[in-house]
């Protein structure tokens, strides 16, 4: 019985590990990923929807929640001024259903 409970707790903990909590760094060297914001959706590698609550953030699907402290983050990003400086180009969308990868080859950066 104890093993079943332990396995259940472990399995449930993995289902909640999907949050994509993002912390915006002040300096590029502090970041895990550099990001450039494009003007049009077709230019983006990732379309991002900013969630209002942490529990709404969805793993690697472009639904981000910005946290206030670095230790709360799954990934730390730095927003660059020029496209050539970026690891990933993003476009902020207005609706949750629009979020997601346009270029899956870069999705590994957010695992």
PDB file of N, CA and C in Angstrom:
ATOM      1  N   UNK A   1       0.829  -1.199   0.000  1.00  0.00           N
ATOM      2  CA  UNK A   1       0.000   0.000   0.000  1.00  0.00           C
ATOM      3  C   UNK A   1       0.871   1.260   0.000  1.00  0.00           C
ATOM      4  N   UNK A   2       1.944   1.257   0.781  1.00  0.00           N
ATOM      5  CA  UNK A   2       2.829   2.418   0.834  1.00  0.00           C
ATOM      6  C   UNK A   2       3.483   2.660  -0.519  1.00  0.00           C
ATOM      7  N   UNK A   3       3.818   1.576  -1.209  1.00  0.00           N
ATOM      8  CA  UNK A   3       4.448   1.719  -2.525  1.00  0.00           C
ATOM      9  C   UNK A   3       3.484   2.338  -3.533  1.00  0.00           C
ATOM     10  N   UNK A   4       2.235   1.959  -3.451  1.00  0.00           N
ATOM     11  CA  UNK A   4       1.232   2.504  -4.366  1.00  0.00           C
ATOM     12  C   UNK A   4       1.056   3.996  -4.127  1.00  0.00           C
ATOM     13  N   UNK A   5       0.994   4.388  -2.881  1.00  0.00           N
ATOM     14  CA  UNK A   5       0.848   5.806  -2.544  1.00  0.00           C
ATOM     15  C   UNK A   5       2.077   6.587  -3.003  1.00  0.00           C
ATOM     16  N   UNK A   6       3.247   6.035  -2.768  1.00  0.00           N
ATOM     17  CA  UNK A   6       4.483   6.695  -3.173  1.00  0.00           C
ATOM     18  C   UNK A   6       4.543   6.851  -4.695  1.00  0.00           C
ATOM     19  N   UNK A   7       4.192   5.818  -5.431  1.00  0.00           N
ATOM     20  CA  UNK A   7       4.195   5.886  -6.890  1.00  0.00           C
ATOM     21  C   UNK A   7       3.173   6.899  -7.403  1.00  0.00           C
ATOM     22  N   UNK A   8       2.031   6.969  -6.754  1.00  0.00           N
ATOM     23  CA  UNK A   8       1.009   7.937  -7.140  1.00  0.00           C
ATOM     24  C   UNK A   8       1.504   9.360  -6.932  1.00  0.00           C
ATOM     25  N   UNK A   9       2.137   9.613  -5.809  1.00  0.00           N
ATOM     26  CA  UNK A   9       2.667  10.951  -5.524  1.00  0.00           C
ATOM     27  C   UNK A   9       3.743  11.327  -6.538  1.00  0.00           C
ATOM     28  N   UNK A  10       4.610  10.406  -6.869  1.00  0.00           N
ATOM     29  CA  UNK A  10       5.663  10.676  -7.854  1.00  0.00           C
ATOM     30  C   UNK A  10       5.053  10.960  -9.219  1.00  0.00           C
ATOM     31  N   UNK A  11       4.088  10.162  -9.620  1.00  0.00           N
ATOM     32  CA  UNK A  11       3.445  10.357 -10.924  1.00  0.00           C
ATOM     33  C   UNK A  11       2.735  11.704 -10.998  1.00  0.00           C
ATOM     34  N   UNK A  12       2.054  12.083  -9.937  1.00  0.00           N
ATOM     35  CA  UNK A  12       1.362  13.369  -9.919  1.00  0.00           C
ATOM     36  C   UNK A  12       2.338  14.537  -9.956  1.00  0.00           C
ATOM     37  N   UNK A  13       3.475  14.385  -9.302  1.00  0.00           N
ATOM     38  CA  UNK A  13       4.443  15.476  -9.296  1.00  0.00           C
ATOM     39  C   UNK A  13       4.983  15.735 -10.693  1.00  0.00           C
ATOM     40  N   UNK A  14       5.105  14.701 -11.526  1.00  0.00           N
ATOM     41  CA  UNK A  14       5.580  14.899 -12.890  1.00  0.00           C
ATOM     42  C   UNK A  14       4.543  15.594 -13.759  1.00  0.00           C
ATOM     43  N   UNK A  15       3.281  15.465 -13.443  1.00  0.00           N
ATOM     44  CA  UNK A  15       2.259  16.128 -14.243  1.00  0.00           C
ATOM     45  C   UNK A  15       2.225  17.632 -13.990  1.00  0.00           C
ATOM     46  N   UNK A  16       2.748  18.071 -12.873  1.00  0.00           N
ATOM     47  CA  UNK A  16       2.739  19.500 -12.563  1.00  0.00           C
ATOM     48  C   UNK A  16       4.049  20.189 -12.912  1.00  0.00           C
ATOM     49  N   UNK A  17       4.962  19.481 -13.532  1.00  0.00           N
ATOM     50  CA  UNK A  17       6.252  20.056 -13.869  1.00  0.00           C
ATOM     51  C   UNK A  17       6.204  20.797 -15.210  1.00  0.00           C
ATOM     52  N   UNK A  18       5.040  20.958 -15.807  1.00  0.00           N
ATOM     53  CA  UNK A  18       4.969  21.603 -17.094  1.00  0.00           C
ATOM     54  C   UNK A  18       5.051  23.115 -17.084  1.00  0.00           C
ATOM     55  N   UNK A  19       4.968  23.762 -16.005  1.00  0.00           N
ATOM     56  CA  UNK A  19       4.902  25.219 -16.008  1.00  0.00           C
ATOM     57  C   UNK A  19       6.114  25.815 -16.711  1.00  0.00           C
ATOM     58  N   UNK A  20       5.869  26.860 -17.444  1.00  0.00           N
ATOM     59  CA  UNK A  20       6.958  27.569 -18.102  1.00  0.00           C
ATOM     60  C   UNK A  20       7.054  28.938 -17.442  1.00  0.00           C
ATOM     61  N   UNK A  21       7.663  28.944 -16.289  1.00  0.00           N
ATOM     62  CA  UNK A  21       7.864  30.185 -15.560  1.00  0.00           C
ATOM     63  C   UNK A  21       9.101  30.869 -16.118  1.00  0.00           C
ATOM     64  N   UNK A  22       8.938  32.120 -16.510  1.00  0.00           N
ATOM     65  CA  UNK A  22       9.988  32.871 -17.183  1.00  0.00           C
ATOM     66  C   UNK A  22      10.415  34.047 -16.311  1.00  0.00           C
ATOM     67  N   UNK A  23      11.727  34.221 -16.213  1.00  0.00           N
ATOM     68  CA  UNK A  23      12.280  35.375 -15.510  1.00  0.00           C
ATOM     69  C   UNK A  23      13.068  36.200 -16.518  1.00  0.00           C
ATOM     70  N   UNK A  24      12.792  37.482 -16.566  1.00  0.00           N
ATOM     71  CA  UNK A  24      13.492  38.396 -17.468  1.00  0.00           C
ATOM     72  C   UNK A  24      14.734  38.920 -16.763  1.00  0.00           C
ATOM     73  N   UNK A  25      15.901  38.598 -17.313  1.00  0.00           N
ATOM     74  CA  UNK A  25      17.156  39.018 -16.705  1.00  0.00           C
ATOM     75  C   UNK A  25      17.531  40.426 -17.152  1.00  0.00           C
ATOM     76  N   UNK A  26      18.421  41.023 -16.402  1.00  0.00           N
ATOM     77  CA  UNK A  26      18.897  42.362 -16.732  1.00  0.00           C
ATOM     78  C   UNK A  26      20.098  42.335 -17.672  1.00  0.00           C
ATOM     79  N   UNK A  27      20.805  41.211 -17.681  1.00  0.00           N
ATOM     80  CA  UNK A  27      22.016  41.093 -18.480  1.00  0.00           C
ATOM     81  C   UNK A  27      22.013  39.783 -19.260  1.00  0.00           C
ATOM     82  N   UNK A  28      22.580  39.812 -20.446  1.00  0.00           N
ATOM     83  CA  UNK A  28      22.582  38.647 -21.330  1.00  0.00           C
ATOM     84  C   UNK A  28      23.283  37.442 -20.707  1.00  0.00           C
ATOM     85  N   UNK A  29      24.378  37.658 -20.005  1.00  0.00           N
ATOM     86  CA  UNK A  29      25.133  36.538 -19.437  1.00  0.00           C
ATOM     87  C   UNK A  29      24.351  35.781 -18.353  1.00  0.00           C
ATOM     88  N   UNK A  30      23.309  36.383 -17.812  1.00  0.00           N
ATOM     89  CA  UNK A  30      22.495  35.726 -16.793  1.00  0.00           C
ATOM     90  C   UNK A  30      21.432  34.805 -17.385  1.00  0.00           C
ATOM     91  N   UNK A  31      21.195  34.915 -18.678  1.00  0.00           N
ATOM     92  CA  UNK A  31      20.064  34.237 -19.309  1.00  0.00           C
ATOM     93  C   UNK A  31      20.416  32.845 -19.804  1.00  0.00           C
ATOM     94  N   UNK A  32      19.388  31.986 -19.816  1.00  0.00           N
ATOM     95  CA  UNK A  32      19.490  30.672 -20.452  1.00  0.00           C
ATOM     96  C   UNK A  32      19.267  30.796 -21.953  1.00  0.00           C
ATOM     97  N   UNK A  33      18.388  31.732 -22.327  1.00  0.00           N
ATOM     98  CA  UNK A  33      17.986  31.899 -23.719  1.00  0.00           C
ATOM     99  C   UNK A  33      17.883  33.393 -24.031  1.00  0.00           C
ATOM    100  N   UNK A  34      18.410  33.781 -25.201  1.00  0.00           N
ATOM    101  CA  UNK A  34      18.221  35.156 -25.654  1.00  0.00           C
ATOM    102  C   UNK A  34      17.045  35.183 -26.621  1.00  0.00           C
ATOM    103  N   UNK A  35      16.233  36.235 -26.506  1.00  0.00           N
ATOM    104  CA  UNK A  35      14.965  36.312 -27.224  1.00  0.00           C
ATOM    105  C   UNK A  35      14.857  37.653 -27.943  1.00  0.00           C
ATOM    106  N   UNK A  36      14.344  37.590 -29.160  1.00  0.00           N
ATOM    107  CA  UNK A  36      14.064  38.797 -29.928  1.00  0.00           C
ATOM    108  C   UNK A  36      12.579  38.823 -30.259  1.00  0.00           C
ATOM    109  N   UNK A  37      11.944  39.963 -30.076  1.00  0.00           N
ATOM    110  CA  UNK A  37      10.519  40.106 -30.364  1.00  0.00           C
ATOM    111  C   UNK A  37      10.358  40.611 -31.795  1.00  0.00           C
ATOM    112  N   UNK A  38       9.688  39.818 -32.623  1.00  0.00           N
ATOM    113  CA  UNK A  38       9.467  40.193 -34.018  1.00  0.00           C
ATOM    114  C   UNK A  38       8.150  40.960 -34.164  1.00  0.00           C
ATOM    115  N   UNK A  39       8.002  41.617 -35.302  1.00  0.00           N
ATOM    116  CA  UNK A  39       6.822  42.446 -35.554  1.00  0.00           C
ATOM    117  C   UNK A  39       5.626  41.669 -36.081  1.00  0.00           C
ATOM    118  N   UNK A  40       5.902  40.528 -36.716  1.00  0.00           N
ATOM    119  CA  UNK A  40       4.829  39.765 -37.356  1.00  0.00           C
ATOM    120  C   UNK A  40       4.928  38.287 -36.978  1.00  0.00           C
ATOM    121  N   UNK A  41       3.789  37.659 -36.884  1.00  0.00           N
ATOM    122  CA  UNK A  41       3.711  36.257 -36.469  1.00  0.00           C
ATOM    123  C   UNK A  41       4.514  35.331 -37.384  1.00  0.00           C
ATOM    124  N   UNK A  42       4.480  35.559 -38.681  1.00  0.00           N
ATOM    125  CA  UNK A  42       5.164  34.668 -39.613  1.00  0.00           C
ATOM    126  C   UNK A  42       6.690  34.685 -39.444  1.00  0.00           C
ATOM    127  N   UNK A  43       7.227  35.714 -38.788  1.00  0.00           N
ATOM    128  CA  UNK A  43       8.669  35.805 -38.562  1.00  0.00           C
ATOM    129  C   UNK A  43       9.126  35.022 -37.333  1.00  0.00           C
ATOM    130  N   UNK A  44       8.202  34.579 -36.516  1.00  0.00           N
ATOM    131  CA  UNK A  44       8.523  34.013 -35.205  1.00  0.00           C
ATOM    132  C   UNK A  44       8.861  32.528 -35.250  1.00  0.00           C
ATOM    133  N   UNK A  45       9.721  32.133 -34.329  1.00  0.00           N
ATOM    134  CA  UNK A  45       9.955  30.716 -34.058  1.00  0.00           C
ATOM    135  C   UNK A  45       8.894  30.208 -33.081  1.00  0.00           C
ATOM    136  N   UNK A  46       8.486  31.105 -32.178  1.00  0.00           N
ATOM    137  CA  UNK A  46       7.534  30.752 -31.127  1.00  0.00           C
ATOM    138  C   UNK A  46       6.545  31.883 -30.925  1.00  0.00           C
ATOM    139  N   UNK A  47       5.266  31.543 -30.920  1.00  0.00           N
ATOM    140  CA  UNK A  47       4.227  32.505 -30.559  1.00  0.00           C
ATOM    141  C   UNK A  47       3.929  32.332 -29.079  1.00  0.00           C
ATOM    142  N   UNK A  48       3.991  33.424 -28.339  1.00  0.00           N
ATOM    143  CA  UNK A  48       3.887  33.382 -26.880  1.00  0.00           C
ATOM    144  C   UNK A  48       2.626  34.089 -26.406  1.00  0.00           C
ATOM    145  N   UNK A  49       1.919  33.416 -25.517  1.00  0.00           N
ATOM    146  CA  UNK A  49       0.795  34.029 -24.827  1.00  0.00           C
ATOM    147  C   UNK A  49       1.183  34.154 -23.363  1.00  0.00           C
ATOM    148  N   UNK A  50       1.025  35.335 -22.794  1.00  0.00           N
ATOM    149  CA  UNK A  50       1.384  35.572 -21.397  1.00  0.00           C
ATOM    150  C   UNK A  50       0.170  35.283 -20.526  1.00  0.00           C
ATOM    151  N   UNK A  51       0.316  34.313 -19.659  1.00  0.00           N
ATOM    152  CA  UNK A  51      -0.763  33.900 -18.758  1.00  0.00           C
ATOM    153  C   UNK A  51      -0.842  34.815 -17.549  1.00  0.00           C
ATOM    154  N   UNK A  52      -2.027  34.883 -16.964  1.00  0.00           N
ATOM    155  CA  UNK A  52      -2.245  35.702 -15.771  1.00  0.00           C
ATOM    156  C   UNK A  52      -1.866  34.979 -14.487  1.00  0.00           C
ATOM    157  N   UNK A  53      -1.920  33.654 -14.529  1.00  0.00           N
ATOM    158  CA  UNK A  53      -1.652  32.862 -13.333  1.00  0.00           C
ATOM    159  C   UNK A  53      -0.662  31.752 -13.645  1.00  0.00           C
ATOM    160  N   UNK A  54       0.166  31.440 -12.684  1.00  0.00           N
ATOM    161  CA  UNK A  54       1.224  30.442 -12.864  1.00  0.00           C
ATOM    162  C   UNK A  54       0.683  29.083 -13.283  1.00  0.00           C
ATOM    163  N   UNK A  55      -0.420  28.658 -12.708  1.00  0.00           N
ATOM    164  CA  UNK A  55      -0.945  27.331 -13.004  1.00  0.00           C
ATOM    165  C   UNK A  55      -1.430  27.198 -14.451  1.00  0.00           C
ATOM    166  N   UNK A  56      -1.615  28.319 -15.148  1.00  0.00           N
ATOM    167  CA  UNK A  56      -2.073  28.281 -16.536  1.00  0.00           C
ATOM    168  C   UNK A  56      -0.935  28.080 -17.533  1.00  0.00           C
ATOM    169  N   UNK A  57       0.284  28.322 -17.102  1.00  0.00           N
ATOM    170  CA  UNK A  57       1.431  28.168 -17.997  1.00  0.00           C
ATOM    171  C   UNK A  57       1.550  26.708 -18.399  1.00  0.00           C
ATOM    172  N   UNK A  58       1.882  26.490 -19.664  1.00  0.00           N
ATOM    173  CA  UNK A  58       1.844  25.129 -20.189  1.00  0.00           C
ATOM    174  C   UNK A  58       3.154  24.734 -20.847  1.00  0.00           C
ATOM    175  N   UNK A  59       4.027  24.213 -20.038  1.00  0.00           N
ATOM    176  CA  UNK A  59       5.249  23.588 -20.529  1.00  0.00           C
ATOM    177  C   UNK A  59       5.920  24.310 -21.666  1.00  0.00           C
ATOM    178  N   UNK A  60       6.147  23.585 -22.703  1.00  0.00           N
ATOM    179  CA  UNK A  60       6.896  24.089 -23.839  1.00  0.00           C
ATOM    180  C   UNK A  60       5.963  24.483 -24.983  1.00  0.00           C
ATOM    181  N   UNK A  61       4.781  24.966 -24.660  1.00  0.00           N
ATOM    182  CA  UNK A  61       3.780  25.285 -25.679  1.00  0.00           C
ATOM    183  C   UNK A  61       3.589  26.779 -25.910  1.00  0.00           C
ATOM    184  N   UNK A  62       4.478  27.594 -25.386  1.00  0.00           N
ATOM    185  CA  UNK A  62       4.382  29.024 -25.637  1.00  0.00           C
ATOM    186  C   UNK A  62       3.472  29.781 -24.697  1.00  0.00           C
ATOM    187  N   UNK A  63       3.056  29.155 -23.627  1.00  0.00           N
ATOM    188  CA  UNK A  63       2.224  29.832 -22.627  1.00  0.00           C
ATOM    189  C   UNK A  63       3.114  30.141 -21.434  1.00  0.00           C
ATOM    190  N   UNK A  64       3.499  31.390 -21.312  1.00  0.00           N
ATOM    191  CA  UNK A  64       4.475  31.814 -20.325  1.00  0.00           C
ATOM    192  C   UNK A  64       3.804  32.540 -19.167  1.00  0.00           C
ATOM    193  N   UNK A  65       4.447  32.414 -18.017  1.00  0.00           N
ATOM    194  CA  UNK A  65       4.081  33.196 -16.850  1.00  0.00           C
ATOM    195  C   UNK A  65       5.366  33.847 -16.354  1.00  0.00           C
ATOM    196  N   UNK A  66       5.374  35.171 -16.272  1.00  0.00           N
ATOM    197  CA  UNK A  66       6.570  35.882 -15.824  1.00  0.00           C
ATOM    198  C   UNK A  66       6.592  35.943 -14.296  1.00  0.00           C
ATOM    199  N   UNK A  67       7.691  35.469 -13.728  1.00  0.00           N
ATOM    200  CA  UNK A  67       7.857  35.461 -12.271  1.00  0.00           C
ATOM    201  C   UNK A  67       8.707  36.651 -11.846  1.00  0.00           C
ATOM    202  N   UNK A  68       8.611  36.974 -10.571  1.00  0.00           N
ATOM    203  CA  UNK A  68       9.311  38.139 -10.044  1.00  0.00           C
ATOM    204  C   UNK A  68      10.732  37.850  -9.597  1.00  0.00           C
ATOM    205  N   UNK A  69      11.015  36.591  -9.317  1.00  0.00           N
ATOM    206  CA  UNK A  69      12.319  36.236  -8.773  1.00  0.00           C
ATOM    207  C   UNK A  69      12.963  35.119  -9.588  1.00  0.00           C
ATOM    208  N   UNK A  70      14.263  35.210  -9.738  1.00  0.00           N
ATOM    209  CA  UNK A  70      15.019  34.257 -10.541  1.00  0.00           C
ATOM    210  C   UNK A  70      14.850  32.818 -10.065  1.00  0.00           C
ATOM    211  N   UNK A  71      14.810  32.594  -8.770  1.00  0.00           N
ATOM    212  CA  UNK A  71      14.708  31.233  -8.244  1.00  0.00           C
ATOM    213  C   UNK A  71      13.366  30.567  -8.569  1.00  0.00           C
ATOM    214  N   UNK A  72      12.364  31.346  -8.960  1.00  0.00           N
ATOM    215  CA  UNK A  72      11.053  30.795  -9.311  1.00  0.00           C
ATOM    216  C   UNK A  72      10.985  30.333 -10.766  1.00  0.00           C
ATOM    217  N   UNK A  73      11.985  30.672 -11.545  1.00  0.00           N
ATOM    218  CA  UNK A  73      11.916  30.477 -12.991  1.00  0.00           C
ATOM    219  C   UNK A  73      12.344  29.091 -13.437  1.00  0.00           C
ATOM    220  N   UNK A  74      11.671  28.627 -14.488  1.00  0.00           N
ATOM    221  CA  UNK A  74      12.116  27.441 -15.208  1.00  0.00           C
ATOM    222  C   UNK A  74      13.184  27.838 -16.225  1.00  0.00           C
ATOM    223  N   UNK A  75      12.994  29.006 -16.817  1.00  0.00           N
ATOM    224  CA  UNK A  75      13.955  29.540 -17.785  1.00  0.00           C
ATOM    225  C   UNK A  75      14.146  31.028 -17.548  1.00  0.00           C
ATOM    226  N   UNK A  76      15.393  31.471 -17.757  1.00  0.00           N
ATOM    227  CA  UNK A  76      15.721  32.888 -17.664  1.00  0.00           C
ATOM    228  C   UNK A  76      15.987  33.391 -19.076  1.00  0.00           C
ATOM    229  N   UNK A  77      15.330  34.479 -19.440  1.00  0.00           N
ATOM    230  CA  UNK A  77      15.480  35.022 -20.788  1.00  0.00           C
ATOM    231  C   UNK A  77      15.996  36.456 -20.733  1.00  0.00           C
ATOM    232  N   UNK A  78      16.681  36.814 -21.798  1.00  0.00           N
ATOM    233  CA  UNK A  78      17.139  38.187 -21.984  1.00  0.00           C
ATOM    234  C   UNK A  78      16.634  38.642 -23.345  1.00  0.00           C
ATOM    235  N   UNK A  79      15.972  39.781 -23.381  1.00  0.00           N
ATOM    236  CA  UNK A  79      15.438  40.328 -24.612  1.00  0.00           C
ATOM    237  C   UNK A  79      16.508  41.183 -25.292  1.00  0.00           C
ATOM    238  N   UNK A  80      16.912  40.777 -26.491  1.00  0.00           N
ATOM    239  CA  UNK A  80      17.971  41.467 -27.222  1.00  0.00           C
ATOM    240  C   UNK A  80      17.378  42.497 -28.175  1.00  0.00           C
ATOM    241  N   UNK A  81      18.239  43.386 -28.644  1.00  0.00           N
ATOM    242  CA  UNK A  81      17.803  44.476 -29.519  1.00  0.00           C
ATOM    243  C   UNK A  81      17.817  44.120 -30.998  1.00  0.00           C
ATOM    244  N   UNK A  82      18.601  43.105 -31.356  1.00  0.00           N
ATOM    245  CA  UNK A  82      18.746  42.756 -32.761  1.00  0.00           C
ATOM    246  C   UNK A  82      18.489  41.268 -32.972  1.00  0.00           C
ATOM    247  N   UNK A  83      17.875  40.957 -34.096  1.00  0.00           N
ATOM    248  CA  UNK A  83      17.482  39.587 -34.419  1.00  0.00           C
ATOM    249  C   UNK A  83      18.675  38.628 -34.425  1.00  0.00           C
ATOM    250  N   UNK A  84      19.807  39.058 -34.951  1.00  0.00           N
ATOM    251  CA  UNK A  84      20.959  38.172 -35.056  1.00  0.00           C
ATOM    252  C   UNK A  84      21.537  37.775 -33.697  1.00  0.00           C
ATOM    253  N   UNK A  85      21.188  38.493 -32.635  1.00  0.00           N
ATOM    254  CA  UNK A  85      21.681  38.182 -31.295  1.00  0.00           C
ATOM    255  C   UNK A  85      20.850  37.102 -30.603  1.00  0.00           C
ATOM    256  N   UNK A  86      19.713  36.761 -31.156  1.00  0.00           N
ATOM    257  CA  UNK A  86      18.733  35.921 -30.461  1.00  0.00           C
ATOM    258  C   UNK A  86      18.896  34.434 -30.757  1.00  0.00           C
ATOM    259  N   UNK A  87      18.597  33.648 -29.730  1.00  0.00           N
ATOM    260  CA  UNK A  87      18.464  32.198 -29.907  1.00  0.00           C
ATOM    261  C   UNK A  87      17.100  31.876 -30.487  1.00  0.00           C
ATOM    262  N   UNK A  88      16.091  32.645 -30.052  1.00  0.00           N
ATOM    263  CA  UNK A  88      14.707  32.404 -30.454  1.00  0.00           C
ATOM    264  C   UNK A  88      14.028  33.731 -30.768  1.00  0.00           C
ATOM    265  N   UNK A  89      13.234  33.729 -31.838  1.00  0.00           N
ATOM    266  CA  UNK A  89      12.425  34.890 -32.189  1.00  0.00           C
ATOM    267  C   UNK A  89      10.998  34.594 -31.742  1.00  0.00           C
ATOM    268  N   UNK A  90      10.414  35.528 -30.992  1.00  0.00           N
ATOM    269  CA  UNK A  90       9.055  35.313 -30.501  1.00  0.00           C
ATOM    270  C   UNK A  90       8.124  36.421 -30.969  1.00  0.00           C
ATOM    271  N   UNK A  91       6.847  36.074 -30.958  1.00  0.00           N
ATOM    272  CA  UNK A  91       5.787  37.027 -31.252  1.00  0.00           C
ATOM    273  C   UNK A  91       4.734  36.860 -30.170  1.00  0.00           C
ATOM    274  N   UNK A  92       4.364  37.954 -29.508  1.00  0.00           N
ATOM    275  CA  UNK A  92       3.346  37.895 -28.472  1.00  0.00           C
ATOM    276  C   UNK A  92       1.963  37.906 -29.119  1.00  0.00           C
ATOM    277  N   UNK A  93       1.157  36.900 -28.785  1.00  0.00           N
ATOM    278  CA  UNK A  93      -0.188  36.780 -29.356  1.00  0.00           C
ATOM    279  C   UNK A  93      -1.233  37.229 -28.341  1.00  0.00           C
ATOM    280  N   UNK A  94      -2.426  37.495 -28.830  1.00  0.00           N
ATOM    281  CA  UNK A  94      -3.504  38.006 -27.993  1.00  0.00           C
ATOM    282  C   UNK A  94      -4.378  36.918 -27.378  1.00  0.00           C
ATOM    283  N   UNK A  95      -4.334  35.730 -27.983  1.00  0.00           N
ATOM    284  CA  UNK A  95      -5.212  34.654 -27.520  1.00  0.00           C
ATOM    285  C   UNK A  95      -4.407  33.387 -27.254  1.00  0.00           C
ATOM    286  N   UNK A  96      -4.823  32.676 -26.227  1.00  0.00           N
ATOM    287  CA  UNK A  96      -4.118  31.471 -25.784  1.00  0.00           C
ATOM    288  C   UNK A  96      -4.006  30.418 -26.885  1.00  0.00           C
ATOM    289  N   UNK A  97      -5.050  30.244 -27.676  1.00  0.00           N
ATOM    290  CA  UNK A  97      -5.034  29.201 -28.717  1.00  0.00           C
ATOM    291  C   UNK A  97      -4.004  29.484 -29.815  1.00  0.00           C
ATOM    292  N   UNK A  98      -3.516  30.718 -29.907  1.00  0.00           N
ATOM    293  CA  UNK A  98      -2.533  31.074 -30.930  1.00  0.00           C
ATOM    294  C   UNK A  98      -1.104  30.711 -30.532  1.00  0.00           C
ATOM    295  N   UNK A  99      -0.893  30.385 -29.262  1.00  0.00           N
ATOM    296  CA  UNK A  99       0.451  30.099 -28.764  1.00  0.00           C
ATOM    297  C   UNK A  99       0.960  28.773 -29.298  1.00  0.00           C
ATOM    298  N   UNK A 100       2.252  28.722 -29.550  1.00  0.00           N
ATOM    299  CA  UNK A 100       2.871  27.473 -29.979  1.00  0.00           C
ATOM    300  C   UNK A 100       4.074  27.712 -30.873  1.00  0.00           C
ATOM    301  N   UNK A 101       4.760  26.624 -31.156  1.00  0.00           N
ATOM    302  CA  UNK A 101       5.971  26.676 -31.969  1.00  0.00           C
ATOM    303  C   UNK A 101       5.651  26.765 -33.451  1.00  0.00           C
ATOM    304  N   UNK A 102       6.366  27.619 -34.132  1.00  0.00           N
ATOM    305  CA  UNK A 102       6.339  27.708 -35.589  1.00  0.00           C
ATOM    306  C   UNK A 102       7.579  27.015 -36.159  1.00  0.00           C
ATOM    307  N   UNK A 103       8.644  26.980 -35.358  1.00  0.00           N
ATOM    308  CA  UNK A 103       9.899  26.348 -35.747  1.00  0.00           C
ATOM    309  C   UNK A 103      10.305  25.403 -34.617  1.00  0.00           C
ATOM    310  N   UNK A 104       9.876  24.154 -34.702  1.00  0.00           N
ATOM    311  CA  UNK A 104      10.119  23.170 -33.632  1.00  0.00           C
ATOM    312  C   UNK A 104      11.583  22.856 -33.390  1.00  0.00           C
ATOM    313  N   UNK A 105      12.447  23.189 -34.317  1.00  0.00           N
ATOM    314  CA  UNK A 105      13.865  22.858 -34.154  1.00  0.00           C
ATOM    315  C   UNK A 105      14.497  23.611 -32.973  1.00  0.00           C
ATOM    316  N   UNK A 106      13.854  24.641 -32.497  1.00  0.00           N
ATOM    317  CA  UNK A 106      14.394  25.419 -31.383  1.00  0.00           C
ATOM    318  C   UNK A 106      13.700  25.125 -30.057  1.00  0.00           C
ATOM    319  N   UNK A 107      12.764  24.211 -30.055  1.00  0.00           N
ATOM    320  CA  UNK A 107      11.997  23.930 -28.842  1.00  0.00           C
ATOM    321  C   UNK A 107      12.858  23.360 -27.722  1.00  0.00           C
ATOM    322  N   UNK A 108      13.984  22.745 -28.073  1.00  0.00           N
ATOM    323  CA  UNK A 108      14.873  22.175 -27.050  1.00  0.00           C
ATOM    324  C   UNK A 108      15.399  23.239 -26.084  1.00  0.00           C
ATOM    325  N   UNK A 109      15.430  24.484 -26.508  1.00  0.00           N
ATOM    326  CA  UNK A 109      15.952  25.567 -25.664  1.00  0.00           C
ATOM    327  C   UNK A 109      15.095  25.800 -24.419  1.00  0.00           C
ATOM    328  N   UNK A 110      13.844  25.357 -24.462  1.00  0.00           N
ATOM    329  CA  UNK A 110      12.949  25.597 -23.340  1.00  0.00           C
ATOM    330  C   UNK A 110      12.619  24.327 -22.557  1.00  0.00           C
ATOM    331  N   UNK A 111      13.366  23.255 -22.767  1.00  0.00           N
ATOM    332  CA  UNK A 111      13.170  22.042 -21.956  1.00  0.00           C
ATOM    333  C   UNK A 111      14.001  22.112 -20.714  1.00  0.00           C
TER     334      UNK A 111
END
